[in-house]
Amino acid sequence: MPRERTGGYSTQRACDAGPPGRREVSEHIDGPAPRRIFVDKQSPQAFQAMVKASEAVSATAAEAGLDRTTVELINLRVSQLNGCAYCLDLHTRRALRAGESARRLGVLTAWRDTGLFTPGERAALALAEATTDPTGSAAQEAAYEAARRVLTEDQISAVIWVAITIGAFNRVSVMSGYPVEAPRSGPAEF
């Protein structure tokens, strides 16, 4: 299975490598909990198809001109909405390595209430949110219209594909119960 890369526009890396040294069934600390299987290990052929699709989405994002920090902001915002701790941990580290500021990451959940994001990033975030929760047609239309003002059609398509892809990996991670482990020693690595 591929390991996390330090460069590029990867969206699938949230769950593809899984936690180092993981077991076939995750451990639950607080009492008896349902046993979970790591679905990527249980069904590797299906997971590899997701990885290949994600690699195509990564190439699409790069070709459309979405910079790495925008892709990571999308990965993080969708992971926030989906409650995926594993992907949040991984993509926070990746965003910081790509040059994103801790300040902007700290307010990402309230991005609409700040002046810290560019019009293109704001449009991408709104579109990613609308993609993640497609139940509100009015929100979808508003997000799409805002995106059309500042993003190219290729960028709009790429944003939607990035959101769809990280959402799928969020579900793999959440349903598998991937743990976020504390660093073995010293402060957390970023």
N, C-alpha and C. Protein backbone atom coordinates (compact mmCIF):
# COMPACT_ATOMS: atom_id res chain seq x y z
N MET A 1 0.85 -1.17 0.00
CA MET A 1 0.00 0.00 0.00
C MET A 1 0.90 1.24 0.00
N PRO A 2 0.57 2.29 -0.76
CA PRO A 2 1.43 3.46 -0.83
C PRO A 2 1.51 4.17 0.51
N ARG A 3 2.62 4.82 0.73
CA ARG A 3 2.80 5.61 1.93
C ARG A 3 2.56 7.07 1.62
N GLU A 4 2.36 7.86 2.67
CA GLU A 4 2.13 9.29 2.49
C GLU A 4 3.32 9.92 1.78
N ARG A 5 3.00 10.78 0.81
CA ARG A 5 4.03 11.53 0.12
C ARG A 5 4.15 12.91 0.74
N THR A 6 5.31 13.52 0.62
CA THR A 6 5.48 14.85 1.17
C THR A 6 5.17 15.93 0.17
N GLY A 7 5.05 15.62 -1.08
CA GLY A 7 4.74 16.64 -2.09
C GLY A 7 3.51 16.25 -2.87
N GLY A 8 3.15 17.08 -3.82
CA GLY A 8 2.03 16.78 -4.69
C GLY A 8 0.71 17.21 -4.10
N TYR A 9 -0.34 16.78 -4.74
CA TYR A 9 -1.69 17.21 -4.37
C TYR A 9 -2.53 16.06 -3.87
N SER A 10 -1.94 15.09 -3.24
CA SER A 10 -2.64 13.88 -2.85
C SER A 10 -3.84 14.18 -1.97
N THR A 11 -4.96 13.57 -2.30
CA THR A 11 -6.14 13.67 -1.45
C THR A 11 -6.41 12.36 -0.75
N GLN A 12 -5.91 11.28 -1.24
CA GLN A 12 -6.25 9.99 -0.67
C GLN A 12 -5.37 9.61 0.50
N ARG A 13 -4.34 10.31 0.79
CA ARG A 13 -3.40 9.87 1.79
C ARG A 13 -3.96 9.91 3.21
N ALA A 14 -5.15 10.41 3.38
CA ALA A 14 -5.74 10.45 4.71
C ALA A 14 -5.81 9.07 5.32
N CYS A 15 -6.07 8.07 4.52
CA CYS A 15 -6.31 6.75 5.09
C CYS A 15 -5.54 5.64 4.42
N ASP A 16 -4.81 5.91 3.36
CA ASP A 16 -4.26 4.80 2.60
C ASP A 16 -3.18 4.04 3.33
N ALA A 17 -2.36 4.72 4.07
CA ALA A 17 -1.29 4.02 4.78
C ALA A 17 -1.76 3.55 6.14
N GLY A 18 -2.78 4.20 6.70
CA GLY A 18 -3.27 3.84 8.02
C GLY A 18 -2.23 4.15 9.07
N PRO A 19 -2.59 3.98 10.31
CA PRO A 19 -1.65 4.26 11.37
C PRO A 19 -0.51 3.26 11.38
N PRO A 20 0.71 3.72 11.71
CA PRO A 20 1.84 2.80 11.73
C PRO A 20 1.61 1.68 12.74
N GLY A 21 1.96 0.47 12.36
CA GLY A 21 1.87 -0.66 13.27
C GLY A 21 0.46 -1.03 13.67
N ARG A 22 -0.51 -0.66 12.86
CA ARG A 22 -1.88 -0.93 13.27
C ARG A 22 -2.17 -2.43 13.27
N ARG A 23 -3.16 -2.77 14.05
CA ARG A 23 -3.59 -4.15 14.14
C ARG A 23 -4.79 -4.35 13.23
N GLU A 24 -5.20 -5.59 13.05
CA GLU A 24 -6.37 -5.87 12.21
C GLU A 24 -7.65 -5.33 12.83
N VAL A 25 -7.71 -5.24 14.13
CA VAL A 25 -8.88 -4.69 14.82
C VAL A 25 -8.38 -3.57 15.72
N SER A 26 -9.02 -2.39 15.63
CA SER A 26 -8.57 -1.27 16.44
C SER A 26 -8.89 -1.52 17.91
N GLU A 27 -8.07 -0.95 18.76
CA GLU A 27 -8.28 -1.07 20.19
C GLU A 27 -9.11 0.10 20.67
N HIS A 28 -10.00 -0.15 21.56
CA HIS A 28 -10.82 0.90 22.15
C HIS A 28 -10.45 0.99 23.62
N ILE A 29 -10.16 2.18 24.08
CA ILE A 29 -9.65 2.37 25.43
C ILE A 29 -10.78 2.40 26.46
N ASP A 30 -11.87 3.06 26.16
CA ASP A 30 -12.93 3.27 27.14
C ASP A 30 -13.99 2.17 27.07
N GLY A 31 -13.72 1.07 27.70
CA GLY A 31 -14.69 0.01 27.81
C GLY A 31 -14.96 -0.73 26.52
N PRO A 32 -15.91 -1.65 26.58
CA PRO A 32 -16.20 -2.44 25.39
C PRO A 32 -16.87 -1.60 24.32
N ALA A 33 -16.35 -1.69 23.15
CA ALA A 33 -16.91 -0.99 22.00
C ALA A 33 -16.96 -1.99 20.85
N PRO A 34 -17.76 -1.69 19.87
CA PRO A 34 -17.81 -2.63 18.76
C PRO A 34 -16.44 -2.81 18.13
N ARG A 35 -16.14 -4.02 17.74
CA ARG A 35 -14.88 -4.30 17.08
C ARG A 35 -14.99 -3.81 15.64
N ARG A 36 -13.95 -3.17 15.18
CA ARG A 36 -13.94 -2.63 13.83
C ARG A 36 -12.87 -3.33 13.00
N ILE A 37 -13.15 -3.50 11.75
CA ILE A 37 -12.13 -4.00 10.83
C ILE A 37 -11.60 -2.80 10.05
N PHE A 38 -10.37 -2.89 9.63
CA PHE A 38 -9.81 -1.89 8.75
C PHE A 38 -10.24 -2.28 7.34
N VAL A 39 -11.24 -1.58 6.82
CA VAL A 39 -11.84 -2.01 5.55
C VAL A 39 -10.86 -1.95 4.39
N ASP A 40 -9.83 -1.11 4.47
CA ASP A 40 -8.83 -1.09 3.41
C ASP A 40 -8.04 -2.38 3.38
N LYS A 41 -7.79 -2.96 4.54
CA LYS A 41 -7.08 -4.24 4.62
C LYS A 41 -8.01 -5.41 4.30
N GLN A 42 -9.25 -5.29 4.71
CA GLN A 42 -10.22 -6.37 4.49
C GLN A 42 -10.57 -6.51 3.01
N SER A 43 -10.63 -5.38 2.31
CA SER A 43 -11.01 -5.37 0.89
C SER A 43 -9.98 -4.56 0.09
N PRO A 44 -8.76 -5.06 -0.01
CA PRO A 44 -7.68 -4.26 -0.62
C PRO A 44 -7.92 -3.92 -2.08
N GLN A 45 -8.60 -4.75 -2.82
CA GLN A 45 -8.83 -4.46 -4.23
C GLN A 45 -9.73 -3.23 -4.38
N ALA A 46 -10.77 -3.16 -3.60
CA ALA A 46 -11.66 -2.00 -3.64
C ALA A 46 -10.92 -0.74 -3.20
N PHE A 47 -10.09 -0.89 -2.16
CA PHE A 47 -9.35 0.26 -1.66
C PHE A 47 -8.34 0.75 -2.70
N GLN A 48 -7.67 -0.16 -3.36
CA GLN A 48 -6.70 0.25 -4.38
C GLN A 48 -7.39 0.99 -5.53
N ALA A 49 -8.62 0.63 -5.84
CA ALA A 49 -9.38 1.37 -6.85
C ALA A 49 -9.63 2.80 -6.39
N MET A 50 -9.92 2.97 -5.09
CA MET A 50 -10.08 4.32 -4.54
C MET A 50 -8.77 5.10 -4.62
N VAL A 51 -7.67 4.45 -4.33
CA VAL A 51 -6.37 5.12 -4.40
C VAL A 51 -6.09 5.58 -5.82
N LYS A 52 -6.35 4.74 -6.79
CA LYS A 52 -6.13 5.11 -8.19
C LYS A 52 -7.02 6.29 -8.59
N ALA A 53 -8.26 6.27 -8.18
CA ALA A 53 -9.16 7.39 -8.47
C ALA A 53 -8.64 8.67 -7.82
N SER A 54 -8.15 8.55 -6.59
CA SER A 54 -7.62 9.71 -5.89
C SER A 54 -6.37 10.27 -6.58
N GLU A 55 -5.55 9.40 -7.10
CA GLU A 55 -4.37 9.86 -7.83
C GLU A 55 -4.78 10.65 -9.07
N ALA A 56 -5.85 10.22 -9.74
CA ALA A 56 -6.36 10.97 -10.90
C ALA A 56 -6.91 12.32 -10.45
N VAL A 57 -7.58 12.37 -9.31
CA VAL A 57 -8.10 13.64 -8.78
C VAL A 57 -6.94 14.57 -8.41
N SER A 58 -5.90 14.02 -7.83
CA SER A 58 -4.72 14.83 -7.50
C SER A 58 -4.11 15.46 -8.74
N ALA A 59 -4.01 14.68 -9.81
CA ALA A 59 -3.48 15.21 -11.06
C ALA A 59 -4.42 16.27 -11.63
N THR A 60 -5.71 16.05 -11.53
CA THR A 60 -6.69 17.03 -12.02
C THR A 60 -6.56 18.34 -11.26
N ALA A 61 -6.40 18.28 -9.95
CA ALA A 61 -6.25 19.49 -9.14
C ALA A 61 -5.00 20.26 -9.54
N ALA A 62 -3.91 19.55 -9.72
CA ALA A 62 -2.65 20.20 -10.11
C ALA A 62 -2.78 20.83 -11.49
N GLU A 63 -3.36 20.10 -12.43
CA GLU A 63 -3.53 20.62 -13.79
C GLU A 63 -4.46 21.82 -13.83
N ALA A 64 -5.44 21.87 -12.94
CA ALA A 64 -6.37 22.99 -12.89
C ALA A 64 -5.76 24.22 -12.23
N GLY A 65 -4.60 24.05 -11.61
CA GLY A 65 -3.94 25.18 -10.97
C GLY A 65 -4.33 25.41 -9.52
N LEU A 66 -4.94 24.42 -8.88
CA LEU A 66 -5.21 24.55 -7.45
C LEU A 66 -3.91 24.34 -6.69
N ASP A 67 -3.55 25.32 -5.87
CA ASP A 67 -2.30 25.14 -5.13
C ASP A 67 -2.50 24.16 -3.98
N ARG A 68 -1.39 23.65 -3.50
CA ARG A 68 -1.42 22.60 -2.48
C ARG A 68 -2.12 23.06 -1.21
N THR A 69 -1.93 24.30 -0.80
CA THR A 69 -2.58 24.75 0.43
C THR A 69 -4.10 24.77 0.26
N THR A 70 -4.59 25.16 -0.90
CA THR A 70 -6.04 25.15 -1.14
C THR A 70 -6.57 23.72 -1.08
N VAL A 71 -5.86 22.79 -1.69
CA VAL A 71 -6.28 21.39 -1.64
C VAL A 71 -6.30 20.90 -0.20
N GLU A 72 -5.29 21.26 0.58
CA GLU A 72 -5.26 20.82 1.98
C GLU A 72 -6.36 21.49 2.80
N LEU A 73 -6.69 22.75 2.50
CA LEU A 73 -7.81 23.40 3.19
C LEU A 73 -9.11 22.65 2.90
N ILE A 74 -9.30 22.25 1.65
CA ILE A 74 -10.49 21.46 1.29
C ILE A 74 -10.48 20.14 2.05
N ASN A 75 -9.34 19.45 2.04
CA ASN A 75 -9.24 18.17 2.77
C ASN A 75 -9.59 18.35 4.23
N LEU A 76 -9.09 19.42 4.83
CA LEU A 76 -9.35 19.65 6.25
C LEU A 76 -10.80 20.02 6.52
N ARG A 77 -11.35 20.91 5.70
CA ARG A 77 -12.73 21.34 5.96
C ARG A 77 -13.71 20.18 5.81
N VAL A 78 -13.54 19.39 4.78
CA VAL A 78 -14.42 18.23 4.60
C VAL A 78 -14.22 17.24 5.74
N SER A 79 -12.98 17.04 6.17
CA SER A 79 -12.71 16.12 7.29
C SER A 79 -13.32 16.65 8.58
N GLN A 80 -13.34 17.97 8.77
CA GLN A 80 -14.01 18.55 9.93
C GLN A 80 -15.50 18.23 9.89
N LEU A 81 -16.12 18.46 8.74
CA LEU A 81 -17.55 18.21 8.61
C LEU A 81 -17.89 16.74 8.82
N ASN A 82 -17.01 15.86 8.41
CA ASN A 82 -17.25 14.43 8.54
C ASN A 82 -16.74 13.84 9.86
N GLY A 83 -16.11 14.66 10.69
CA GLY A 83 -15.65 14.19 11.99
C GLY A 83 -14.58 13.13 11.92
N CYS A 84 -13.64 13.28 10.98
CA CYS A 84 -12.59 12.28 10.81
C CYS A 84 -11.29 12.74 11.48
N ALA A 85 -11.06 12.28 12.69
CA ALA A 85 -9.88 12.69 13.45
C ALA A 85 -8.59 12.28 12.75
N TYR A 86 -8.55 11.08 12.20
CA TYR A 86 -7.33 10.60 11.56
C TYR A 86 -6.95 11.50 10.38
N CYS A 87 -7.92 11.82 9.53
CA CYS A 87 -7.64 12.67 8.37
C CYS A 87 -7.32 14.10 8.81
N LEU A 88 -7.97 14.58 9.84
CA LEU A 88 -7.65 15.92 10.35
C LEU A 88 -6.21 15.99 10.83
N ASP A 89 -5.78 14.99 11.55
CA ASP A 89 -4.40 14.95 12.03
C ASP A 89 -3.42 14.94 10.85
N LEU A 90 -3.64 14.05 9.92
CA LEU A 90 -2.74 13.91 8.78
C LEU A 90 -2.70 15.17 7.92
N HIS A 91 -3.87 15.71 7.58
CA HIS A 91 -3.91 16.85 6.67
C HIS A 91 -3.52 18.15 7.35
N THR A 92 -3.62 18.24 8.66
CA THR A 92 -3.08 19.40 9.37
C THR A 92 -1.56 19.41 9.22
N ARG A 93 -0.94 18.26 9.44
CA ARG A 93 0.51 18.18 9.28
C ARG A 93 0.93 18.49 7.85
N ARG A 94 0.19 17.99 6.89
CA ARG A 94 0.52 18.22 5.48
C ARG A 94 0.35 19.70 5.12
N ALA A 95 -0.70 20.32 5.63
CA ALA A 95 -0.93 21.75 5.35
C ALA A 95 0.19 22.60 5.93
N LEU A 96 0.60 22.30 7.14
CA LEU A 96 1.70 23.05 7.76
C LEU A 96 2.99 22.86 6.97
N ARG A 97 3.26 21.65 6.54
CA ARG A 97 4.46 21.40 5.73
C ARG A 97 4.39 22.15 4.40
N ALA A 98 3.19 22.35 3.88
CA ALA A 98 3.02 23.06 2.60
C ALA A 98 3.09 24.57 2.77
N GLY A 99 3.23 25.02 4.02
CA GLY A 99 3.37 26.45 4.26
C GLY A 99 2.14 27.14 4.81
N GLU A 100 1.10 26.39 5.11
CA GLU A 100 -0.10 26.98 5.67
C GLU A 100 0.19 27.45 7.09
N SER A 101 -0.49 28.52 7.52
CA SER A 101 -0.24 29.06 8.86
C SER A 101 -1.14 28.40 9.89
N ALA A 102 -0.62 28.28 11.09
CA ALA A 102 -1.40 27.73 12.19
C ALA A 102 -2.61 28.62 12.48
N ARG A 103 -2.46 29.91 12.29
CA ARG A 103 -3.56 30.85 12.53
C ARG A 103 -4.75 30.53 11.63
N ARG A 104 -4.50 30.38 10.33
CA ARG A 104 -5.60 30.09 9.40
C ARG A 104 -6.20 28.71 9.67
N LEU A 105 -5.37 27.74 10.00
CA LEU A 105 -5.89 26.41 10.32
C LEU A 105 -6.76 26.46 11.58
N GLY A 106 -6.37 27.30 12.52
CA GLY A 106 -7.12 27.42 13.77
C GLY A 106 -8.51 28.00 13.60
N VAL A 107 -8.72 28.80 12.56
CA VAL A 107 -10.04 29.41 12.34
C VAL A 107 -10.78 28.82 11.15
N LEU A 108 -10.28 27.72 10.63
CA LEU A 108 -10.87 27.15 9.43
C LEU A 108 -12.36 26.82 9.59
N THR A 109 -12.77 26.38 10.77
CA THR A 109 -14.19 26.05 10.96
C THR A 109 -15.07 27.30 10.85
N ALA A 110 -14.50 28.46 11.07
CA ALA A 110 -15.24 29.73 10.99
C ALA A 110 -14.70 30.60 9.86
N TRP A 111 -14.28 30.00 8.76
CA TRP A 111 -13.65 30.73 7.67
C TRP A 111 -14.50 31.86 7.13
N ARG A 112 -15.81 31.73 7.16
CA ARG A 112 -16.70 32.79 6.66
C ARG A 112 -16.62 34.06 7.50
N ASP A 113 -16.24 33.92 8.76
CA ASP A 113 -16.21 35.04 9.69
C ASP A 113 -14.86 35.73 9.79
N THR A 114 -13.93 35.40 8.90
CA THR A 114 -12.60 35.99 8.95
C THR A 114 -12.28 36.63 7.60
N GLY A 115 -11.27 37.46 7.61
CA GLY A 115 -10.74 38.01 6.37
C GLY A 115 -9.44 37.33 5.98
N LEU A 116 -9.20 36.14 6.51
CA LEU A 116 -7.91 35.47 6.32
C LEU A 116 -7.82 34.62 5.06
N PHE A 117 -8.93 34.43 4.36
CA PHE A 117 -8.93 33.56 3.20
C PHE A 117 -9.21 34.36 1.94
N THR A 118 -8.54 34.00 0.86
CA THR A 118 -8.70 34.70 -0.42
C THR A 118 -10.08 34.39 -1.01
N PRO A 119 -10.53 35.21 -1.96
CA PRO A 119 -11.81 34.90 -2.60
C PRO A 119 -11.82 33.50 -3.25
N GLY A 120 -10.73 33.07 -3.84
CA GLY A 120 -10.66 31.74 -4.43
C GLY A 120 -10.76 30.65 -3.38
N GLU A 121 -10.08 30.82 -2.25
CA GLU A 121 -10.15 29.84 -1.16
C GLU A 121 -11.56 29.80 -0.58
N ARG A 122 -12.17 30.96 -0.42
CA ARG A 122 -13.53 31.02 0.12
C ARG A 122 -14.51 30.30 -0.80
N ALA A 123 -14.36 30.53 -2.10
CA ALA A 123 -15.23 29.87 -3.06
C ALA A 123 -15.02 28.36 -3.02
N ALA A 124 -13.76 27.93 -2.93
CA ALA A 124 -13.45 26.50 -2.88
C ALA A 124 -14.02 25.87 -1.61
N LEU A 125 -13.89 26.56 -0.48
CA LEU A 125 -14.41 26.02 0.77
C LEU A 125 -15.93 25.91 0.75
N ALA A 126 -16.60 26.93 0.23
CA ALA A 126 -18.07 26.89 0.15
C ALA A 126 -18.52 25.74 -0.77
N LEU A 127 -17.83 25.58 -1.88
CA LEU A 127 -18.18 24.51 -2.81
C LEU A 127 -17.90 23.13 -2.20
N ALA A 128 -16.81 23.01 -1.47
CA ALA A 128 -16.49 21.75 -0.79
C ALA A 128 -17.54 21.42 0.26
N GLU A 129 -17.99 22.42 1.00
CA GLU A 129 -19.04 22.19 1.99
C GLU A 129 -20.34 21.76 1.32
N ALA A 130 -20.71 22.42 0.22
CA ALA A 130 -21.93 22.06 -0.50
C ALA A 130 -21.84 20.66 -1.08
N THR A 131 -20.65 20.26 -1.47
CA THR A 131 -20.44 18.90 -1.99
C THR A 131 -20.57 17.87 -0.88
N THR A 132 -20.08 18.21 0.30
CA THR A 132 -20.09 17.30 1.44
C THR A 132 -21.48 17.11 2.00
N ASP A 133 -22.28 18.18 1.99
CA ASP A 133 -23.67 18.09 2.46
C ASP A 133 -24.57 18.56 1.32
N PRO A 134 -24.89 17.65 0.41
CA PRO A 134 -25.63 18.05 -0.80
C PRO A 134 -27.13 18.21 -0.60
N THR A 135 -27.62 18.24 0.63
CA THR A 135 -29.06 18.29 0.86
C THR A 135 -29.66 19.67 0.63
N GLY A 136 -28.87 20.71 0.73
CA GLY A 136 -29.39 22.07 0.57
C GLY A 136 -29.17 22.60 -0.84
N SER A 137 -30.20 22.55 -1.67
CA SER A 137 -30.01 23.00 -3.05
C SER A 137 -29.74 24.49 -3.13
N ALA A 138 -30.29 25.29 -2.23
CA ALA A 138 -30.02 26.73 -2.24
C ALA A 138 -28.55 26.99 -1.92
N ALA A 139 -28.00 26.26 -0.95
CA ALA A 139 -26.59 26.42 -0.60
C ALA A 139 -25.70 25.97 -1.76
N GLN A 140 -26.10 24.91 -2.43
CA GLN A 140 -25.35 24.44 -3.60
C GLN A 140 -25.31 25.51 -4.68
N GLU A 141 -26.46 26.07 -4.99
CA GLU A 141 -26.53 27.10 -6.04
C GLU A 141 -25.70 28.32 -5.67
N ALA A 142 -25.78 28.75 -4.42
CA ALA A 142 -25.00 29.91 -3.97
C ALA A 142 -23.51 29.63 -4.05
N ALA A 143 -23.11 28.45 -3.63
CA ALA A 143 -21.69 28.08 -3.67
C ALA A 143 -21.19 28.00 -5.10
N TYR A 144 -21.99 27.42 -5.95
CA TYR A 144 -21.62 27.29 -7.37
C TYR A 144 -21.49 28.67 -8.01
N GLU A 145 -22.43 29.54 -7.73
CA GLU A 145 -22.41 30.89 -8.32
C GLU A 145 -21.18 31.67 -7.83
N ALA A 146 -20.87 31.57 -6.55
CA ALA A 146 -19.68 32.23 -6.01
C ALA A 146 -18.41 31.67 -6.64
N ALA A 147 -18.38 30.37 -6.83
CA ALA A 147 -17.20 29.73 -7.43
C ALA A 147 -17.03 30.18 -8.87
N ARG A 148 -18.10 30.31 -9.61
CA ARG A 148 -18.01 30.74 -11.02
C ARG A 148 -17.40 32.13 -11.16
N ARG A 149 -17.54 32.96 -10.15
CA ARG A 149 -16.99 34.32 -10.21
C ARG A 149 -15.47 34.35 -10.08
N VAL A 150 -14.89 33.36 -9.40
CA VAL A 150 -13.45 33.44 -9.13
C VAL A 150 -12.64 32.21 -9.54
N LEU A 151 -13.30 31.12 -9.86
CA LEU A 151 -12.60 29.90 -10.25
C LEU A 151 -12.93 29.55 -11.70
N THR A 152 -11.99 28.90 -12.35
CA THR A 152 -12.24 28.40 -13.70
C THR A 152 -13.12 27.15 -13.60
N GLU A 153 -13.67 26.74 -14.72
CA GLU A 153 -14.47 25.51 -14.72
C GLU A 153 -13.62 24.31 -14.33
N ASP A 154 -12.37 24.28 -14.76
CA ASP A 154 -11.48 23.18 -14.37
C ASP A 154 -11.25 23.18 -12.86
N GLN A 155 -11.10 24.37 -12.27
CA GLN A 155 -10.90 24.45 -10.83
C GLN A 155 -12.15 24.05 -10.06
N ILE A 156 -13.32 24.47 -10.56
CA ILE A 156 -14.58 24.06 -9.92
C ILE A 156 -14.70 22.54 -9.92
N SER A 157 -14.45 21.94 -11.06
CA SER A 157 -14.51 20.49 -11.15
C SER A 157 -13.51 19.84 -10.20
N ALA A 158 -12.30 20.37 -10.15
CA ALA A 158 -11.27 19.80 -9.27
C ALA A 158 -11.67 19.92 -7.80
N VAL A 159 -12.20 21.06 -7.40
CA VAL A 159 -12.63 21.24 -6.01
C VAL A 159 -13.69 20.20 -5.65
N ILE A 160 -14.66 20.02 -6.52
CA ILE A 160 -15.72 19.04 -6.25
C ILE A 160 -15.13 17.63 -6.14
N TRP A 161 -14.22 17.28 -7.04
CA TRP A 161 -13.60 15.95 -6.98
C TRP A 161 -12.74 15.77 -5.73
N VAL A 162 -12.00 16.82 -5.33
CA VAL A 162 -11.20 16.72 -4.10
C VAL A 162 -12.13 16.47 -2.91
N ALA A 163 -13.23 17.22 -2.84
CA ALA A 163 -14.18 17.06 -1.72
C ALA A 163 -14.80 15.66 -1.71
N ILE A 164 -15.18 15.18 -2.89
CA ILE A 164 -15.76 13.83 -2.97
C ILE A 164 -14.75 12.78 -2.52
N THR A 165 -13.51 12.93 -2.97
CA THR A 165 -12.49 11.93 -2.68
C THR A 165 -12.12 11.90 -1.21
N ILE A 166 -11.86 13.07 -0.61
CA ILE A 166 -11.50 13.06 0.81
C ILE A 166 -12.70 12.59 1.63
N GLY A 167 -13.91 12.90 1.20
CA GLY A 167 -15.09 12.40 1.90
C GLY A 167 -15.15 10.88 1.92
N ALA A 168 -14.80 10.27 0.80
CA ALA A 168 -14.77 8.80 0.76
C ALA A 168 -13.71 8.25 1.70
N PHE A 169 -12.54 8.88 1.71
CA PHE A 169 -11.49 8.41 2.62
C PHE A 169 -11.84 8.69 4.07
N ASN A 170 -12.56 9.78 4.34
CA ASN A 170 -13.04 10.02 5.70
C ASN A 170 -13.90 8.86 6.17
N ARG A 171 -14.76 8.39 5.29
CA ARG A 171 -15.66 7.31 5.67
C ARG A 171 -14.91 6.00 5.91
N VAL A 172 -13.90 5.74 5.11
CA VAL A 172 -13.06 4.56 5.34
C VAL A 172 -12.42 4.65 6.72
N SER A 173 -11.87 5.82 7.03
CA SER A 173 -11.18 6.02 8.30
C SER A 173 -12.13 5.93 9.49
N VAL A 174 -13.26 6.64 9.40
CA VAL A 174 -14.22 6.66 10.50
C VAL A 174 -14.80 5.27 10.74
N MET A 175 -15.22 4.61 9.67
CA MET A 175 -15.84 3.29 9.83
C MET A 175 -14.84 2.22 10.26
N SER A 176 -13.56 2.45 9.97
CA SER A 176 -12.53 1.52 10.41
C SER A 176 -12.07 1.81 11.83
N GLY A 177 -12.38 3.00 12.33
CA GLY A 177 -11.96 3.37 13.67
C GLY A 177 -10.48 3.66 13.78
N TYR A 178 -9.91 4.28 12.74
CA TYR A 178 -8.48 4.60 12.77
C TYR A 178 -8.16 5.49 13.97
N PRO A 179 -7.19 5.10 14.77
CA PRO A 179 -6.83 5.91 15.93
C PRO A 179 -5.85 7.03 15.55
N VAL A 180 -5.88 8.08 16.34
CA VAL A 180 -4.85 9.12 16.25
C VAL A 180 -4.03 8.94 17.50
N GLU A 181 -2.81 8.50 17.31
CA GLU A 181 -1.97 8.17 18.45
C GLU A 181 -1.08 9.34 18.83
N ALA A 182 -0.79 9.45 20.11
CA ALA A 182 0.13 10.47 20.59
C ALA A 182 1.54 10.14 20.10
N PRO A 183 2.36 11.16 19.90
CA PRO A 183 3.75 10.88 19.49
C PRO A 183 4.45 10.07 20.57
N ARG A 184 5.39 9.26 20.13
CA ARG A 184 6.10 8.37 21.06
C ARG A 184 6.92 9.14 22.10
N SER A 185 7.50 10.26 21.69
CA SER A 185 8.24 11.09 22.65
C SER A 185 8.33 12.50 22.10
N GLY A 186 8.42 13.45 23.00
CA GLY A 186 8.56 14.84 22.60
C GLY A 186 7.26 15.44 22.11
N PRO A 187 7.33 16.68 21.63
CA PRO A 187 6.14 17.35 21.16
C PRO A 187 5.62 16.75 19.86
N ALA A 188 4.37 17.05 19.57
CA ALA A 188 3.75 16.55 18.34
C ALA A 188 4.53 17.04 17.13
N GLU A 189 4.67 16.16 16.16
CA GLU A 189 5.39 16.51 14.93
C GLU A 189 4.46 17.18 13.94
N PHE A 190 4.97 18.20 13.31
CA PHE A 190 4.25 18.83 12.20
C PHE A 190 5.23 18.98 11.14
